[in-house]
Protein backbone atom coordinates (compact mmCIF):
# COMPACT_ATOMS: atom_id res chain seq x y z
CA UNK A 1 -2.15 8.23 -20.74
CA UNK A 2 -3.16 5.44 -19.26
CA UNK A 3 -1.67 5.10 -15.37
CA UNK A 4 -0.49 2.38 -12.95
CA UNK A 5 -3.10 4.05 -10.86
CA UNK A 6 -5.99 3.58 -13.48
CA UNK A 7 -5.23 -0.33 -13.36
CA UNK A 8 -5.31 -0.33 -9.50
CA UNK A 9 -8.59 1.22 -9.26
CA UNK A 10 -9.92 -0.97 -11.90
CA UNK A 11 -8.84 -4.23 -10.75
CA UNK A 12 -7.48 -3.94 -6.97
CA UNK A 13 -10.92 -4.60 -5.34
CA UNK A 14 -10.87 -8.13 -7.19
CA UNK A 15 -7.10 -8.80 -6.42
CA UNK A 16 -7.61 -7.96 -2.57
CA UNK A 17 -10.73 -10.45 -2.40
CA UNK A 18 -9.08 -13.21 -4.31
CA UNK A 19 -6.16 -13.10 -1.81
CA UNK A 20 -7.65 -11.78 1.37
CA UNK A 21 -5.31 -11.98 4.18
CA UNK A 22 -2.30 -13.12 2.27
CA UNK A 23 -1.87 -9.37 0.86
CA UNK A 24 0.91 -8.13 2.67
CA UNK A 25 0.46 -4.70 4.61
CA UNK A 26 3.26 -3.02 2.20
CA UNK A 27 1.27 -4.09 -0.66
CA UNK A 28 -2.10 -2.94 0.84
CA UNK A 29 -0.65 0.36 1.41
CA UNK A 30 0.73 0.58 -1.89
CA UNK A 31 -2.36 0.16 -3.81
CA UNK A 32 -4.40 2.40 -1.48
CA UNK A 33 -1.66 5.30 -2.00
CA UNK A 34 -1.41 4.92 -5.53
CA UNK A 35 -5.01 4.78 -6.16
CA UNK A 36 -5.45 7.85 -4.34
CA UNK A 37 -2.54 9.67 -5.82
CA UNK A 38 -3.37 13.07 -7.35
CA UNK A 39 -6.99 12.98 -6.29
CA UNK A 40 -9.37 14.56 -4.23
CA UNK A 41 -8.91 11.64 -1.66
CA UNK A 42 -5.67 13.48 -0.67
CA UNK A 43 -6.46 16.94 -0.78
CA UNK A 44 -4.65 19.92 -2.66
CA UNK A 45 -5.16 23.30 -3.83
CA UNK A 46 -7.65 25.41 -5.65
CA UNK A 47 -6.46 27.81 -8.10
CA UNK A 48 -8.14 30.51 -10.38
CA UNK A 49 -6.89 32.36 -13.33
CA UNK A 50 -6.50 35.88 -13.19
CA UNK A 51 -7.20 35.95 -17.18
CA UNK A 52 -10.12 33.88 -17.67
CA UNK A 53 -11.60 33.30 -14.13
CA UNK A 54 -11.48 29.57 -14.63
CA UNK A 55 -10.63 27.30 -11.82
CA UNK A 56 -8.20 24.48 -11.68
CA UNK A 57 -7.63 21.88 -8.66
CA UNK A 58 -4.41 20.69 -7.62
CA UNK A 59 -3.81 17.53 -5.88
CA UNK A 60 -1.66 15.93 -3.47
CA UNK A 61 0.54 13.40 -4.48
CA UNK A 62 0.79 10.16 -2.58
CA UNK A 63 4.64 10.01 -1.90
CA UNK A 64 4.50 6.19 -2.11
CA UNK A 65 8.02 5.20 -3.43
CA UNK A 66 6.45 2.65 -5.72
CA UNK A 67 4.12 5.10 -7.30
CA UNK A 68 5.56 6.54 -10.87
CA UNK A 69 4.34 9.85 -10.42
CA UNK A 70 5.73 10.84 -7.32
CA UNK A 71 9.42 11.36 -7.33
CA UNK A 72 10.40 14.16 -9.63
CA UNK A 73 10.86 17.01 -7.03
CA UNK A 74 12.29 13.97 -4.45
CA UNK A 75 15.37 13.60 -7.44
CA UNK A 76 15.84 16.95 -8.14
CA UNK A 77 16.55 17.58 -4.03
CA UNK A 78 18.45 14.44 -4.05
CA UNK A 79 20.83 15.04 -7.09
CA UNK A 80 21.48 18.41 -5.70
CA UNK A 81 22.49 16.93 -2.28
CA UNK A 82 24.63 14.26 -3.83
CA UNK A 83 26.45 16.90 -5.98
CA UNK A 84 28.69 18.37 -3.14
CA UNK A 85 29.60 14.65 -2.71
CA UNK A 86 30.95 13.83 -6.14
CA UNK A 87 34.44 13.44 -7.04
CA UNK A 88 35.85 14.50 -10.11
CA UNK A 89 37.13 11.06 -11.67
CA UNK A 90 35.87 8.36 -13.70
CA UNK A 91 33.17 6.12 -12.83
CA UNK A 92 32.31 2.47 -13.24
CA UNK A 93 28.91 0.96 -13.37
CA UNK A 94 28.59 -2.56 -12.27
CA UNK A 95 25.68 -4.80 -12.17
CA UNK A 96 25.33 -7.84 -9.85
CA UNK A 97 22.65 -10.45 -11.20
CA UNK A 98 21.34 -13.22 -8.70
CA UNK A 99 21.04 -16.72 -10.14
CA UNK A 100 17.58 -18.00 -10.76
CA UNK A 101 17.77 -20.82 -7.92
CA UNK A 102 18.37 -18.21 -5.42
CA UNK A 103 15.20 -15.56 -6.26
CA UNK A 104 12.55 -17.27 -4.29
CA UNK A 105 14.65 -17.56 -1.14
CA UNK A 106 15.54 -13.98 -1.57
CA UNK A 107 12.00 -12.98 -2.03
CA UNK A 108 10.98 -14.99 0.89
CA UNK A 109 13.35 -13.01 3.05
CA UNK A 110 13.25 -9.64 1.61
CA UNK A 111 14.07 -7.70 4.94
CA UNK A 112 17.39 -9.84 5.56
CA UNK A 113 18.32 -10.99 2.38
CA UNK A 114 18.26 -7.92 0.13
CA UNK A 115 20.58 -5.78 2.46
CA UNK A 116 23.13 -8.96 2.57
CA UNK A 117 23.02 -8.89 -1.10
CA UNK A 118 23.89 -4.95 -1.47
CA UNK A 119 26.52 -5.28 1.57
CA UNK A 120 28.45 -8.41 -0.39
CA UNK A 121 28.32 -7.03 -3.69
CA UNK A 122 29.83 -3.73 -2.27
CA UNK A 123 32.15 -5.12 0.23
CA UNK A 124 33.36 -7.49 -2.76
CA UNK A 125 34.18 -4.69 -5.28
CA UNK A 126 35.82 -2.70 -2.37
CA UNK A 127 38.08 -5.78 -1.34
CA UNK A 128 39.19 -6.34 -5.09
CA UNK A 129 40.14 -2.59 -5.58
CA UNK A 130 42.04 -2.69 -2.18
CA UNK A 131 44.45 -5.06 -4.26
CA UNK A 132 47.26 -3.27 -5.54
CA UNK A 133 47.13 -5.39 -8.75
CA UNK A 134 43.97 -3.64 -9.56
CA UNK A 135 43.39 -0.11 -7.96
CA UNK A 136 45.14 -0.06 -4.73
CA UNK A 137 42.71 2.02 -2.59
CA UNK A 138 39.15 1.87 -1.27
CA UNK A 139 36.61 3.34 -3.80
CA UNK A 140 33.44 4.84 -3.10
CA UNK A 141 30.54 2.73 -3.89
CA UNK A 142 26.72 3.72 -4.49
CA UNK A 143 24.41 0.54 -4.62
CA UNK A 144 20.78 0.38 -5.70
CA UNK A 145 18.27 -2.64 -5.74
CA UNK A 146 16.31 -3.44 -8.41
CA UNK A 147 14.23 -6.67 -8.64
CA UNK A 148 12.26 -6.42 -11.79
CA UNK A 149 12.70 -6.77 -15.64
CA UNK A 150 10.87 -4.92 -18.27
CA UNK A 151 8.16 -7.37 -18.26
CA UNK A 152 7.91 -6.93 -14.57
CA UNK A 153 9.18 -10.55 -13.88
CA UNK A 154 11.29 -11.02 -10.39
CA UNK A 155 14.93 -10.54 -11.24
CA UNK A 156 16.85 -9.04 -8.14
CA UNK A 157 20.10 -7.40 -9.22
CA UNK A 158 22.08 -4.86 -7.75
CA UNK A 159 23.42 -1.57 -9.70
CA UNK A 160 26.65 0.00 -8.18
CA UNK A 161 28.15 3.18 -9.09
CA UNK A 162 31.96 3.15 -8.45
CA UNK A 163 34.74 5.64 -8.17
CA UNK A 164 37.44 5.12 -10.94
CA UNK A 165 39.94 5.08 -8.41
CA UNK A 166 40.41 4.71 -4.53
CA UNK A 167 42.29 6.07 -1.30
CA UNK A 168 44.91 4.41 0.57
CA UNK A 169 46.75 5.87 3.34
CA UNK A 170 45.50 9.22 2.25
CA UNK A 171 46.63 8.99 -1.24
CA UNK A 172 44.54 8.77 -4.42
CA UNK A 173 45.17 5.98 -6.64
CA UNK A 174 43.42 6.16 -9.97
CA UNK A 175 42.35 3.08 -11.85
CA UNK A 176 43.02 2.28 -15.51
CA UNK A 177 40.82 4.13 -17.80
CA UNK A 178 38.85 1.18 -19.22
CA UNK A 179 39.60 -1.50 -16.23
CA UNK A 180 38.51 -1.42 -12.69
CA UNK A 181 38.84 -5.12 -11.58
CA UNK A 182 38.44 -8.58 -13.11
CA UNK A 183 34.81 -9.83 -13.52
CA UNK A 184 35.08 -13.45 -12.53
CA UNK A 185 37.03 -12.60 -9.42
CA UNK A 186 34.39 -10.10 -8.58
CA UNK A 187 31.54 -13.11 -9.26
CA UNK A 188 33.11 -15.45 -6.93
CA UNK A 189 33.86 -13.11 -4.49
CA UNK A 190 30.14 -11.63 -4.22
CA UNK A 191 29.06 -15.42 -4.16
CA UNK A 192 31.13 -16.28 -1.20
CA UNK A 193 30.43 -13.38 0.60
CA UNK A 194 26.44 -13.82 0.45
CA UNK A 195 26.76 -17.39 1.19
CA UNK A 196 28.58 -16.56 4.28
CA UNK A 197 26.27 -13.93 5.51
CA UNK A 198 22.98 -15.91 4.74
CA UNK A 199 24.82 -18.77 6.46
CA UNK A 200 24.76 -16.66 9.93
CA UNK A 201 21.92 -14.66 9.75
CA UNK A 202 19.53 -17.57 8.04
CA UNK A 203 20.96 -20.86 9.27
CA UNK A 204 17.92 -22.77 8.69
CA UNK A 205 17.41 -21.57 5.29
CA UNK A 206 17.49 -24.26 2.77
CA UNK A 207 19.22 -23.48 -0.47
CA UNK A 208 20.27 -25.39 -3.46
CA UNK A 209 23.77 -26.51 -3.53
CA UNK A 210 24.01 -25.44 -7.10
CA UNK A 211 23.64 -22.14 -6.54
CA UNK A 212 27.15 -21.80 -4.85
CA UNK A 213 28.59 -23.89 -7.40
CA UNK A 214 27.64 -22.10 -10.76
CA UNK A 215 29.15 -18.67 -12.23
CA UNK A 216 26.84 -15.73 -11.22
CA UNK A 217 26.68 -12.93 -13.81
CA UNK A 218 28.50 -9.53 -13.64
CA UNK A 219 28.75 -6.47 -15.83
CA UNK A 220 31.30 -3.97 -15.47
CA UNK A 221 31.12 -0.92 -17.82
CA UNK A 222 32.97 2.44 -17.85
CA UNK A 223 30.39 4.94 -17.21
CA UNK A 224 32.11 8.37 -18.23
CA UNK A 225 33.65 11.25 -16.32
CA UNK A 226 32.81 13.74 -13.65
CA UNK A 227 29.05 15.05 -12.88
CA UNK A 228 27.80 13.94 -16.14
CA UNK A 229 28.25 10.21 -15.20
CA UNK A 230 26.55 10.44 -11.84
CA UNK A 231 24.00 12.49 -12.90
CA UNK A 232 22.98 10.34 -15.69
CA UNK A 233 23.47 7.21 -13.68
CA UNK A 234 21.13 8.67 -10.82
CA UNK A 235 18.42 9.78 -13.19
CA UNK A 236 18.38 6.54 -14.66
CA UNK A 237 18.26 4.17 -11.73
CA UNK A 238 17.94 5.63 -8.16
CA UNK A 239 14.25 6.72 -8.40
CA UNK A 240 13.16 4.13 -10.99
CA UNK A 241 9.86 2.31 -10.69
CA UNK A 242 9.02 -1.07 -11.83
CA UNK A 243 6.97 0.44 -14.87
CA UNK A 244 6.55 3.92 -15.68
CA UNK A 245 2.96 5.18 -17.13
CA UNK A 246 4.44 5.70 -20.50
CA UNK A 247 4.73 1.93 -21.17
CA UNK A 248 1.00 1.29 -20.39
CA UNK A 249 -0.50 1.15 -23.94
CA UNK A 250 -3.71 -0.54 -23.49
CA UNK A 251 -6.52 -1.33 -20.77
CA UNK A 252 -9.86 -2.58 -20.79
CA UNK A 253 -12.11 -4.66 -18.56
CA UNK A 254 -9.84 -7.80 -19.01
CA UNK A 255 -6.35 -6.79 -18.89
CA UNK A 256 -3.40 -4.67 -19.62
CA UNK A 257 -0.74 -4.22 -22.44
CA UNK A 258 2.30 -3.22 -21.64
CA UNK A 259 5.65 -2.06 -23.77
CA UNK A 260 9.17 -3.60 -23.20
CA UNK A 261 12.10 -3.71 -24.94
CA UNK A 262 13.53 -6.84 -26.02
CA UNK A 263 17.08 -7.26 -24.98
CA UNK A 264 18.79 -9.51 -27.64
CA UNK A 265 16.98 -7.68 -30.53
CA UNK A 266 16.97 -4.06 -29.07
CA UNK A 267 13.32 -3.84 -30.26
CA UNK A 268 10.01 -2.66 -28.51
CA UNK A 269 7.50 -5.42 -27.93
CA UNK A 270 4.21 -5.94 -26.40
CA UNK A 271 2.96 -8.27 -23.63
CA UNK A 272 -0.52 -8.75 -22.81
CA UNK A 273 -1.32 -9.10 -19.04
CA UNK A 274 -4.68 -9.65 -17.12
CA UNK A 275 -5.57 -7.17 -14.50
CA UNK A 276 -4.75 -9.74 -11.86
CA UNK A 277 -1.47 -10.76 -13.30
CA UNK A 278 -0.43 -7.08 -13.59
CA UNK A 279 -1.10 -6.32 -10.16
CA UNK A 280 0.73 -9.49 -8.73
CA UNK A 281 3.94 -8.71 -11.11
CA UNK A 282 3.88 -5.41 -10.11
CA UNK A 283 3.27 -5.55 -6.42
CA UNK A 284 6.07 -8.11 -5.88
CA UNK A 285 8.61 -5.27 -6.57
CA UNK A 286 7.23 -3.04 -3.34
CA UNK A 287 9.76 -3.18 -0.77
CA UNK A 288 9.00 -3.95 2.97
CA UNK A 289 8.60 -0.76 5.01
CA UNK A 290 11.91 0.71 6.08
CA UNK A 291 13.95 -1.22 3.66
CA UNK A 292 16.44 1.28 1.90
CA UNK A 293 16.94 0.47 -1.46
CA UNK A 294 19.82 3.31 -2.04
CA UNK A 295 23.03 2.44 0.17
CA UNK A 296 26.44 3.73 0.59
CA UNK A 297 29.90 2.01 1.14
CA UNK A 298 33.53 2.72 1.20
CA UNK A 299 34.60 6.39 0.56
CA UNK A 300 31.03 7.18 0.23
CA UNK A 301 29.93 5.98 3.91
CA UNK A 302 28.78 8.49 5.74
CA UNK A 303 31.58 7.74 8.52
CA UNK A 304 34.14 8.76 5.78
CA UNK A 305 32.74 12.23 4.71
CA UNK A 306 35.55 13.99 6.13
CA UNK A 307 38.16 11.72 4.26
CA UNK A 308 36.01 11.92 0.99
CA UNK A 309 36.07 15.67 1.31
CA UNK A 310 39.88 15.81 1.65
CA UNK A 311 40.00 13.41 -1.69
CA UNK A 312 37.94 15.83 -3.46
CA UNK A 313 39.61 19.00 -2.74
CA UNK A 314 42.93 16.85 -3.49
CA UNK A 315 41.67 15.86 -6.99
CA UNK A 316 40.12 19.15 -7.82
CA UNK A 317 43.74 20.67 -7.65
CA UNK A 318 44.91 18.23 -10.27
CA UNK A 319 45.20 19.71 -13.80
CA UNK A 320 43.24 16.82 -15.28
CA UNK A 321 40.70 17.13 -12.95
CA UNK A 322 39.68 20.67 -13.93
CA UNK A 323 37.45 19.40 -16.92
CA UNK A 324 35.64 17.17 -14.65
CA UNK A 325 34.53 19.54 -11.75
CA UNK A 326 32.00 21.31 -13.91
CA UNK A 327 30.02 20.19 -16.47
CA UNK A 328 27.84 22.38 -18.77
CA UNK A 329 24.18 21.80 -18.42
CA UNK A 330 21.98 21.46 -21.37
CA UNK A 331 19.70 24.52 -20.77
CA UNK A 332 19.51 27.20 -18.00
CA UNK A 333 18.01 25.55 -15.15
CA UNK A 334 18.40 22.31 -16.61
CA UNK A 335 20.64 19.27 -16.08
CA UNK A 336 21.33 16.66 -18.76
CA UNK A 337 19.15 14.38 -16.79
CA UNK A 338 16.20 16.45 -18.56
CA UNK A 339 15.32 17.89 -15.07
CA UNK A 340 15.32 21.26 -13.42
CA UNK A 341 18.34 22.06 -11.44
CA UNK A 342 17.44 22.15 -7.65
CA UNK A 343 17.46 25.73 -6.74
CA UNK A 344 16.36 26.86 -10.20
CA UNK A 345 13.60 29.77 -10.14
CA UNK A 346 10.10 28.04 -9.87
CA UNK A 347 7.86 29.01 -12.96
CA UNK A 348 4.88 30.87 -12.28
CA UNK A 349 1.89 28.27 -12.26
CA UNK A 350 -0.24 29.24 -15.70
CA UNK A 351 -3.65 28.63 -16.47
CA UNK A 352 -3.89 25.25 -18.91
CA UNK A 353 -6.89 26.74 -21.01
CA UNK A 354 -5.54 30.41 -21.58
CA UNK A 355 -1.82 30.33 -19.95
CA UNK A 356 -2.79 33.28 -17.51
CA UNK A 357 -1.41 33.62 -14.39
CA UNK A 358 -3.13 31.46 -11.69
CA UNK A 359 -3.88 32.81 -8.22
CA UNK A 360 -4.46 30.38 -5.27
CA UNK A 361 -7.75 30.54 -3.84
CA UNK A 362 -7.91 28.27 -0.79
CA UNK A 363 -6.25 25.06 0.42
CA UNK A 364 -8.47 21.24 -0.19
CA UNK A 365 -8.49 18.87 2.72
CA UNK A 366 -8.22 15.16 2.17
CA UNK A 367 -11.86 14.00 1.37
CA UNK A 368 -13.11 11.80 4.37
CA UNK A 369 -15.35 8.51 3.63
CA UNK A 370 -18.67 9.09 4.54
CA UNK A 371 -20.20 7.29 7.39
CA UNK A 372 -23.28 5.06 7.14
């Protein structure tokens, strides 16, 4: 399988020479980390098969959040931690998309603008849900920032997982089965909140007036019930990177061929990019250091943990919630996301040649560059 790391190893030197000091530190770090991921440069472990005697090398991962190979274990641990916080209720998936005229401004002000966008989307959802005409209580909102399309074009948008109900005065108010809040009202409210936030945080930022006059795109979809809905959502969105290695179909001295799904026809298509263009598109989705792309609001905010725990117990006592509280897994030790359950017994390492048991021999230290 062709990997993003293979592309970086082939084209990174030319890309860095072409852009020089213009390459952001976060981009340089991502290039170095992904190119070194699971190679002798990061060290690892040496194993020996107890049956055939062959040696097997296992190298460390880079753990860069933009690397498509490094998040399986992290996803499992994160999912396990979130399971204790889930509410046995219906969920809704809301997507808020930024207009094209605003994208360049957001990209130039990433550290300030991305958090403001996520906060505006979440606060607008909570404000509308508090309205007795819709829900009548404050819901839990998990917001995830994405900045790409399948062709790696810059397209900032926020995915929000919202509980199908909210809390007011200690009571749970469930939402209607297939309706949470009006889309048009949500789009206008997000637009107004972001406009006010940017004017306060970045008063000198020049933005076209049409951005605040045209309708924004918002989608809201019922997302199932109980833990099943949350796990599918988390596996699909939270730890996704701009492109997975499975969608890279070709690599040669001149460029890269990637596979992407055309939204209108729902069919897979192929796009050919030069090596330089692939790197440019990929790196524009590398977030600045310290910027959190997953945030919690409303009932899921860290300050509301005690209230959320009370609501969870209250919902578990309701007869209609009994079926939502425990979702059967598709197989022993695995969830319906296709990932092993956290806490499941770890299988013994087996030899890739004869499938015999592997015995740990020694640790391998990171390879240091040789001096002159």
